[in-house]
Each structure stands twice: as structure tokens, then as C-alpha cells.
Protein backbone atom coordinates (compact mmCIF):
# COMPACT_ATOMS: atom_id res chain seq x y z
CA MET A 1 133.89 193.34 91.00
CA THR A 2 132.74 191.31 94.27
CA ASP A 3 132.48 188.00 92.52
CA PRO A 4 135.39 186.08 91.26
CA PRO A 5 135.84 186.88 87.60
CA ARG A 6 134.11 184.26 85.08
CA VAL A 7 137.01 182.94 82.93
CA LEU A 8 136.06 180.87 79.77
CA PHE A 9 139.45 178.80 78.73
CA VAL A 10 139.68 178.20 75.12
CA SER A 11 142.17 175.29 74.31
CA SER A 12 143.57 174.89 71.01
CA HIS A 13 143.92 171.02 71.63
CA ALA A 14 142.95 168.66 73.61
CA GLN A 15 145.49 165.80 73.58
CA ARG A 16 147.63 165.61 76.84
CA GLY A 17 150.51 167.80 76.66
CA GLY A 18 152.10 170.61 78.37
CA ALA A 19 149.63 173.37 77.12
CA GLU A 20 146.91 171.24 78.36
CA SER A 21 148.53 170.64 81.32
CA TYR A 22 148.96 174.45 82.23
CA VAL A 23 145.31 174.96 82.03
CA LEU A 24 144.31 171.91 84.41
CA ARG A 25 146.78 172.88 86.76
CA LEU A 26 145.94 176.91 86.34
CA ILE A 27 142.40 175.97 87.39
CA ALA A 28 142.93 173.33 89.96
CA GLY A 29 145.45 175.97 91.73
CA LEU A 30 143.00 179.09 91.45
CA GLY A 31 140.46 177.19 93.06
CA ASP A 32 137.50 179.95 94.03
CA ARG A 33 139.49 182.86 92.79
CA ILE A 34 137.96 182.30 89.41
CA ARG A 35 134.56 180.76 87.82
CA PRO A 36 135.94 178.54 85.20
CA SER A 37 134.56 176.98 82.18
CA ALA A 38 136.04 175.57 79.03
CA VAL A 39 135.60 174.91 75.16
CA ALA A 40 138.25 172.74 73.40
CA LEU A 41 138.77 173.03 69.56
CA GLU A 42 138.83 169.46 69.35
CA ASP A 43 137.84 166.68 71.04
CA GLY A 44 140.22 164.59 73.10
CA PRO A 45 141.46 163.42 76.52
CA MET A 46 141.77 166.87 77.93
CA CYS A 47 138.19 167.23 77.85
CA ALA A 48 137.42 164.45 80.25
CA ASP A 49 140.14 165.64 82.30
CA LEU A 50 138.59 169.14 83.09
CA GLY A 51 135.22 166.98 83.39
CA ALA A 52 136.87 165.15 86.24
CA ALA A 53 137.98 168.34 87.87
CA GLY A 54 134.15 170.01 87.63
CA VAL A 55 134.78 172.26 84.78
CA GLU A 56 132.33 172.11 82.12
CA CYS A 57 134.15 171.56 78.65
CA ALA A 58 132.33 172.35 75.30
CA VAL A 59 133.92 170.96 71.93
CA VAL A 60 133.84 173.42 68.95
CA PRO A 61 135.57 171.46 66.05
CA THR A 62 137.98 173.86 64.63
CA GLY A 63 140.18 173.14 61.56
CA ARG A 64 142.79 175.08 59.63
CA ARG A 65 142.19 178.31 57.65
CA ILE A 66 138.28 178.01 56.81
CA GLY A 67 137.96 176.34 59.89
CA ILE A 68 139.09 179.07 61.95
CA ALA A 69 136.01 180.89 60.79
CA VAL A 70 133.60 178.05 61.62
CA GLY A 71 135.17 177.84 65.08
CA ALA A 72 134.99 181.44 65.73
CA ARG A 73 130.95 181.54 64.82
CA GLY A 74 130.61 178.27 67.32
CA LEU A 75 132.90 180.08 69.94
CA ARG A 76 130.51 183.25 69.73
CA ARG A 77 127.60 181.26 70.37
CA VAL A 78 129.26 179.66 73.29
CA VAL A 79 130.54 183.39 74.87
CA ARG A 80 126.93 185.05 74.22
CA GLN A 81 125.27 182.08 76.33
CA GLU A 82 128.19 182.11 79.05
CA ARG A 83 128.93 185.52 78.80
CA PRO A 84 132.24 185.49 80.53
CA ASP A 85 134.15 188.28 82.02
CA VAL A 86 137.53 187.19 80.39
CA VAL A 87 138.54 184.89 77.80
CA HIS A 88 141.37 182.77 78.15
CA ALA A 89 142.93 181.80 74.87
CA ASN A 90 145.16 178.96 75.17
CA GLY A 91 147.43 178.57 72.16
CA VAL A 92 147.61 180.79 68.87
CA LYS A 93 145.06 178.76 67.21
CA ALA A 94 142.44 179.67 70.35
CA ALA A 95 144.08 183.05 70.35
CA ALA A 96 142.69 183.31 66.31
CA VAL A 97 139.48 182.04 66.91
CA ALA A 98 138.78 184.15 69.95
CA GLY A 99 139.80 187.23 68.58
CA LEU A 100 137.95 186.57 65.76
CA ALA A 101 134.78 185.65 67.76
CA LEU A 102 134.74 188.58 69.95
CA LEU A 103 135.01 191.16 67.27
CA GLY A 104 132.56 193.83 68.73
CA ARG A 105 132.03 192.20 71.51
CA PRO A 106 132.86 193.50 74.77
CA GLU A 107 134.89 190.29 76.62
CA PRO A 108 138.49 190.60 76.77
CA VAL A 109 141.05 188.34 75.64
CA VAL A 110 144.26 187.31 76.88
CA TRP A 111 146.41 184.98 74.74
CA VAL A 112 148.71 182.95 76.91
CA LYS A 113 151.49 182.13 74.29
CA HIS A 114 152.72 178.68 74.99
CA ASP A 115 155.23 177.97 71.71
CA HIS A 116 156.53 179.44 68.68
CA SER A 117 153.98 178.29 66.39
CA TRP A 118 152.93 181.24 64.01
CA ASP A 119 155.90 183.06 65.02
CA GLY A 120 156.19 186.07 62.41
CA PRO A 121 153.76 188.15 60.64
CA TRP A 122 150.48 186.12 61.29
CA GLY A 123 151.71 185.84 64.98
CA ARG A 124 151.83 189.57 65.10
CA LEU A 125 148.43 189.90 63.66
CA VAL A 126 146.96 187.57 66.19
CA ALA A 127 148.31 189.38 69.07
CA ARG A 128 146.68 192.68 67.74
CA MET A 129 143.33 190.60 67.76
CA VAL A 130 143.66 190.01 71.71
CA ASP A 131 144.07 192.56 74.59
CA LEU A 132 146.87 191.07 76.29
CA VAL A 133 149.72 188.29 75.36
CA VAL A 134 151.10 186.28 78.32
CA GLY A 135 154.24 184.46 77.55
CA VAL A 136 155.26 181.72 79.55
CA SER A 137 158.88 182.56 78.68
CA GLU A 138 160.79 185.52 77.41
CA SER A 139 161.49 182.87 74.17
CA ALA A 140 157.89 182.59 73.69
CA VAL A 141 157.10 186.24 73.18
CA ARG A 142 160.51 187.52 71.65
CA SER A 143 159.04 187.75 68.52
CA LEU A 144 156.32 190.00 69.43
CA ARG A 145 158.50 192.49 70.37
CA PRO A 146 158.09 195.54 70.22
CA GLY A 147 154.44 195.27 69.77
CA PRO A 148 151.22 194.98 71.50
CA SER A 149 150.87 194.64 75.16
CA VAL A 150 153.11 191.76 76.40
CA ARG A 151 153.97 190.11 79.82
CA VAL A 152 155.92 187.37 80.78
CA VAL A 153 154.39 185.30 83.55
CA PRO A 154 156.85 181.90 83.90
CA GLN A 155 154.67 178.72 84.78
CA GLY A 156 154.99 177.36 88.17
CA VAL A 157 155.87 173.85 88.60
CA GLU A 158 155.22 171.50 91.55
CA VAL A 159 156.02 168.10 91.58
CA GLU A 160 154.62 165.21 94.33
CA PRO A 161 157.67 163.88 96.48
CA VAL A 162 158.91 161.02 94.74
CA ASP A 163 161.48 158.38 96.49
CA ARG A 164 164.12 158.53 94.02
CA SER A 165 166.12 155.06 94.96
CA ALA A 166 162.26 153.25 94.93
CA ALA A 167 161.43 154.82 91.82
CA ARG A 168 164.84 153.82 90.09
CA ARG A 169 164.43 150.09 91.30
CA ALA A 170 160.59 149.99 90.38
CA LEU A 171 161.41 151.18 86.61
CA ARG A 172 164.36 148.91 86.14
CA ASP A 173 162.34 145.96 87.65
CA GLU A 174 159.77 146.91 85.04
CA LEU A 175 162.36 146.85 82.23
CA GLY A 176 163.90 143.82 83.31
CA LEU A 177 167.11 145.60 84.09
CA PRO A 178 169.80 145.56 86.86
CA VAL A 179 169.30 148.57 89.39
CA HIS A 180 172.67 149.81 88.18
CA ALA A 181 171.67 150.26 84.59
CA PRO A 182 171.76 153.97 82.96
CA VAL A 183 168.28 155.17 82.04
CA LEU A 184 167.67 157.81 79.71
CA ILE A 185 164.22 159.40 79.40
CA CYS A 186 162.38 161.57 76.99
CA VAL A 187 158.92 162.59 77.93
CA GLY A 188 156.02 163.88 75.82
CA ARG A 189 153.35 162.99 72.89
CA LEU A 190 154.85 161.64 70.16
CA ASP A 191 155.22 164.31 67.89
CA PRO A 192 158.03 164.84 64.89
CA ALA A 193 158.70 168.31 66.77
CA LYS A 194 159.77 166.46 69.88
CA GLY A 195 162.88 164.85 68.28
CA PHE A 196 162.48 161.66 69.87
CA ASP A 197 164.12 159.93 66.96
CA ASP A 198 167.17 161.87 67.84
CA ALA A 199 167.34 160.59 71.21
CA VAL A 200 167.67 157.01 69.29
CA SER A 201 170.42 158.17 68.11
CA VAL A 202 171.73 159.50 71.30
CA LEU A 203 171.45 156.17 73.00
CA ALA A 204 173.30 154.39 69.95
CA ASP A 205 176.14 156.77 70.77
CA VAL A 206 175.71 156.41 74.46
CA VAL A 207 175.81 152.65 74.60
CA ARG A 208 179.47 152.44 73.12
CA ARG A 209 180.68 153.22 76.49
CA HIS A 210 177.81 152.55 78.60
CA PRO A 211 176.43 148.99 77.32
CA GLU A 212 173.84 148.81 79.70
CA ALA A 213 172.10 152.27 78.87
CA ARG A 214 168.72 152.02 77.75
CA LEU A 215 166.24 154.79 76.53
CA VAL A 216 162.69 155.44 77.86
CA VAL A 217 159.91 157.19 75.59
CA ALA A 218 157.19 158.16 77.95
CA GLY A 219 154.29 159.96 76.04
CA GLY A 220 150.77 159.03 73.97
CA ALA A 221 150.63 158.79 70.28
CA ASP A 222 149.41 161.98 68.55
CA PRO A 223 146.63 161.27 66.33
CA LYS A 224 148.04 164.10 63.96
CA HIS A 225 151.27 162.71 63.40
CA PRO A 226 151.12 158.82 63.62
CA GLU A 227 154.40 158.37 61.71
CA ALA A 228 156.23 159.91 64.74
CA ALA A 229 156.07 156.51 66.64
CA ALA A 230 157.08 154.91 63.27
CA ALA A 231 160.18 157.33 62.93
CA VAL A 232 161.35 155.99 66.80
CA ASP A 233 161.40 152.73 66.16
CA ALA A 234 162.52 153.22 62.38
CA ARG A 235 165.45 155.04 63.98
CA ALA A 236 165.83 152.28 66.49
CA ALA A 237 166.04 149.21 63.91
CA ALA A 238 168.45 151.36 61.88
CA LEU A 239 171.14 151.89 64.64
CA GLY A 240 170.55 148.33 66.15
CA VAL A 241 169.14 149.26 69.48
CA VAL A 242 165.70 148.16 69.01
CA ASP A 243 165.97 146.39 72.37
CA ARG A 244 167.50 149.34 74.05
CA VAL A 245 164.31 151.58 73.51
CA HIS A 246 161.44 151.43 75.51
CA ARG A 247 158.15 153.06 74.39
CA LEU A 248 155.96 153.13 77.31
CA GLY A 249 152.79 155.20 76.04
CA TRP A 250 151.22 157.66 78.20
CA ARG A 251 151.71 157.06 81.76
CA ALA A 252 150.06 158.53 84.91
CA ASP A 253 153.02 157.75 86.78
CA VAL A 254 155.51 160.04 84.64
CA GLN A 255 156.51 161.66 87.39
CA ALA A 256 158.05 158.66 89.11
CA LEU A 257 159.61 157.90 85.63
CA ILE A 258 161.32 160.92 85.36
CA ALA A 259 162.64 160.49 88.94
CA ALA A 260 163.76 157.35 88.09
CA ALA A 261 165.86 158.28 85.19
CA ASP A 262 169.59 159.27 85.29
CA VAL A 263 169.26 161.85 82.52
CA LEU A 264 166.20 163.61 81.26
CA LEU A 265 166.99 164.34 77.05
CA VAL A 266 165.39 167.58 75.79
CA THR A 267 165.68 167.07 72.12
CA SER A 268 162.95 169.37 70.67
CA ARG A 269 163.66 171.01 67.43
CA ALA A 270 162.51 173.46 64.85
CA ILE A 271 160.16 172.07 61.92
CA ASP A 272 160.12 175.44 59.92
CA HIS A 273 161.70 178.76 59.67
CA ARG A 274 159.40 180.20 62.79
CA GLY A 275 161.06 178.07 64.98
CA THR A 276 157.81 175.91 65.52
CA GLY A 277 159.11 172.94 67.71
CA HIS A 278 161.14 174.82 69.93
CA GLU A 279 160.20 174.62 73.75
CA GLY A 280 158.31 177.90 74.52
CA PHE A 281 158.82 176.83 78.09
CA GLY A 282 159.60 173.06 78.61
CA LEU A 283 157.24 171.60 81.64
CA VAL A 284 158.85 168.26 81.60
CA ALA A 285 162.57 170.07 81.62
CA ALA A 286 161.15 171.78 84.87
CA GLU A 287 159.84 168.68 86.47
CA ALA A 288 163.52 167.07 85.80
CA VAL A 289 164.99 169.85 87.87
CA MET A 290 162.31 169.77 90.75
CA HIS A 291 163.35 166.14 91.10
CA GLY A 292 167.06 166.47 90.97
CA VAL A 293 167.22 164.83 87.83
CA PRO A 294 170.12 166.30 85.30
CA VAL A 295 168.85 167.52 81.80
CA ALA A 296 171.01 166.97 78.77
CA GLY A 297 169.24 168.88 75.79
CA PHE A 298 169.56 171.52 72.89
CA ALA A 299 170.08 174.86 73.56
CA SER A 300 167.26 176.10 71.71
CA GLY A 301 163.85 177.91 72.67
CA ALA A 302 162.96 178.40 76.30
CA THR A 303 165.44 175.74 77.40
CA PRO A 304 168.35 177.73 78.77
CA GLU A 305 165.63 179.99 80.70
CA VAL A 306 163.96 176.50 82.28
CA VAL A 307 167.21 174.64 83.03
CA GLY A 308 169.89 177.38 84.03
CA GLU A 309 172.96 175.94 85.45
CA ALA A 310 170.91 172.50 86.28
CA GLY A 311 171.83 170.58 82.92
CA VAL A 312 174.13 170.27 80.48
CA LEU A 313 172.91 172.13 76.88
CA VAL A 314 174.78 172.05 73.39
CA PRO A 315 173.73 173.66 70.26
CA ALA A 316 170.61 172.93 68.60
CA GLY A 317 170.57 169.86 66.37
CA ASP A 318 174.08 168.44 67.53
CA VAL A 319 173.45 164.80 68.18
CA ALA A 320 177.04 164.15 68.29
CA ALA A 321 177.54 167.04 70.92
CA LEU A 322 174.39 165.51 72.94
CA ALA A 323 175.65 162.26 73.37
CA ALA A 324 179.21 163.25 74.56
CA ALA A 325 177.02 165.70 77.25
CA VAL A 326 174.90 162.38 78.41
CA ASP A 327 178.33 160.41 78.30
CA ARG A 328 180.17 163.31 81.04
CA ILE A 329 176.81 163.15 83.03
CA LEU A 330 177.00 159.76 83.45
CA SER A 331 180.66 159.52 83.93
CA ASP A 332 181.44 162.34 86.17
CA ALA A 333 179.93 161.98 89.68
CA ASP A 334 181.10 165.53 90.59
CA LEU A 335 179.31 166.79 87.89
CA ARG A 336 176.25 165.39 88.83
CA SER A 337 176.45 166.56 92.34
CA GLU A 338 177.04 169.95 90.70
CA LEU A 339 173.86 169.43 88.53
CA ALA A 340 172.22 168.50 91.80
CA ALA A 341 173.05 171.79 93.82
CA ALA A 342 172.11 174.01 90.58
CA ALA A 343 168.70 171.98 90.34
CA ALA A 344 167.90 172.76 93.85
CA ALA A 345 168.44 176.31 93.86
CA ARG A 346 166.88 176.44 89.99
CA ALA A 347 163.58 174.72 91.44
CA ARG A 348 162.61 178.06 93.61
CA SER A 349 162.42 179.80 90.38
CA TYR A 350 159.18 177.97 89.41
CA ASP A 351 157.34 179.33 92.22
CA VAL A 352 153.70 178.25 92.17
CA PRO A 353 151.64 181.20 94.24
CA ARG A 354 153.74 183.87 92.21
CA TRP A 355 152.40 182.29 89.49
CA LEU A 356 148.98 181.74 90.25
CA ASP A 357 148.78 185.40 91.84
CA ALA A 358 149.94 186.71 88.83
CA MET A 359 147.17 185.40 86.72
CA ALA A 360 144.46 185.70 89.36
CA GLY A 361 145.72 189.30 88.87
CA ILE A 362 145.69 189.69 85.09
CA TYR A 363 141.66 188.19 85.24
CA ALA A 364 140.57 190.82 87.88
CA GLU A 365 142.46 193.56 85.68
CA LEU A 366 140.92 192.60 82.18
CA ALA A 367 137.72 192.03 83.52
CA THR A 368 137.48 195.40 85.52
CA ARG A 369 138.94 197.64 82.44
CA PRO A 370 137.19 198.21 78.78
CA ARG A 371 138.69 196.46 76.04
CA GLY A 372 141.71 197.93 74.35
CA THR A 373 142.86 199.65 77.81
CA VAL A 374 145.22 197.03 78.96
């Protein structure tokens, strides 16, 4: 091929989250190495974000079960019109829809697997419908091994430099706190799988030894889970820490918020037997490491792969152990220094050029091979 490959990105969701950020960052990073277009299987803010980046995004509404077939028909029409060289299915629903839509067609499909939803028989079935599965971590594709063609391409992570001292002062000024007040932060859309109500329980334990501690929750509401915000508020009320929990909603300055915190909490948890809810990569944890912010979280999913020695991880679901880990970080200056040194070393593993080169190579490879030969 002499021209850059035409890559049609199909996104399972259109809310602002890690998987959606992945697509936006990838498209921006690859620049003129690909010719991108996009389809979202629901409407949402990601469509506007793509438009602002100059990428046309069609919406093909796709529900569950019977909606998969309806979405596949709509996507097949888009593919016939655009004739992409490669279809990038971002998420398991996108992979199921794309695999069904392209039956009998020549366009190859790469499924970028971000999480553990549909792990098990259904995930293996979807994997057989596509040409290649790319996991953002080993954890994300472990359930597919041995099996179809599977590769791991860890996501590159890049953050804008932030003056942590200035960010620290700004956040505490916003919250009406003294500059020395400890701030814990968790970041992500308000989804039950994120376990932000457990983060409230951690705070309630931590304030016994650090009475000025506060918890910041930075993330927008998820229309599919309106009960998640109420669960956070209810837990705070039950534990008597309502005035210590600050839900800030979606914030464009989330990097500054992370950099301003003393500890980033990762409380993601499985919400079914497959492991749905475990982090498939954990972009927020990686961003905290890049900023030198200690991570305290549950050692499940890809979190140990991402954090390495730059955090303190405890058994999944052990809230008491997580609170003890936070207390250690806040109380032990030597430990904080060790974690900062480990973070500086760990940050090098999130190499952005390596990620971009790997994905560009995959698109070029798929675009020049007959289907089923990867």
C-alpha cells in the first residue's frame, strides 16, 4: 500500500472513559499514518470529541442481545460506503458487532480488548469472529489463551507536566482546606464496578488517624448506572463523612487533580463471575505513576502490571487492608520516597512511540493480508 490505511474505529461506548480516551489518543498520536473514521454504537460526548479532532463519527445505536444484530446491519452499511482497509473494534461489543457485520466481507477486524467483560465462552466466540485480538495488558487477554491470534500491546501513556505544589494549593483552595490536608482521589465515571463507595469506606477508616483527610471523586455520571452516585453519597452518610467527600464530576483538569493528590485509590472490583469490573489496563493508575503520585489499590486485573513497585496493593476487596496501606503512605516519608523512585522508573514502561509504532504496524499488516491469515 502506498497510501496510509483507512482505519474505521468502532467504539462500544461513547461516554468519557479509559477505552474511549484510548481511541482519541491513538488517532491523535498516529496523525497522518492512518486515515481514520469512526462509528459509535451509542451517542455520547465521545462523538463530539472525535468531531473536534476532525474525525467523522457516525452513530449506529446498538442495544444488547437483539440490538447486536441491528447494529451489525447498520455497521455493514457504513463499511460498504467507506470501504476501510481495517476495522478497529474498540471493546467487546464493538468486536461482536463488527465480526457479525463483516461476515463474508474482506475487511479485517482487530479487536482491542480493554477489559474482562464477556470473558469466558462468549469472549472466545467473539475472538473467533475477528482476525486479531490485541490486549492492552496480559490480564485483558489471559482468558483467550490458548486460542486465536492474540498479542499484547501495552498502552502508551503521556501526561502534560504539572507543577504539583501549585496544583496541590489550587485544589485545597477550591475545597477550602489547608495546604497540608491529605487528599485521596479516585478518578473515573460513576460506575458500580469502580468501587467508589469502597473508597468512601477507606476514607472513613483513614480519618481516624488523619482527621483532615478528604476524598475527591473526579468523574462524570454514567447514564447506564445512575444509582452509582447515590451509592457513594449513601455510604458517606452512613459512615458520617459526608463533609469529607467531594464529588467534582467530570473535569477537564483531571491531570492537575491527580497531581495534587497524596494518594490515588484504585478500588475497581469484579461485578460478576467473569471478572467484569477488574481493570483491563488502568489508565488512571498509570497517569498517577507518571505524576509521581503513590497508588493504593486492589491487586486485581491489570493493576499489578501497570503499577509495579510504584504503589501499595492489597488483596482484592480487602477494604481494611487498603485503608492500612493509605495510612502507611501518609505516615511514612521514607515509603513515599521509595514509591516516587519506583514511579520514575516505571513511567518508562509506558512508552508512547512504541505503542504507536506497534499499532501502526498492526494496521499495515492487516491491510495487506487476506482475511484469516494473521
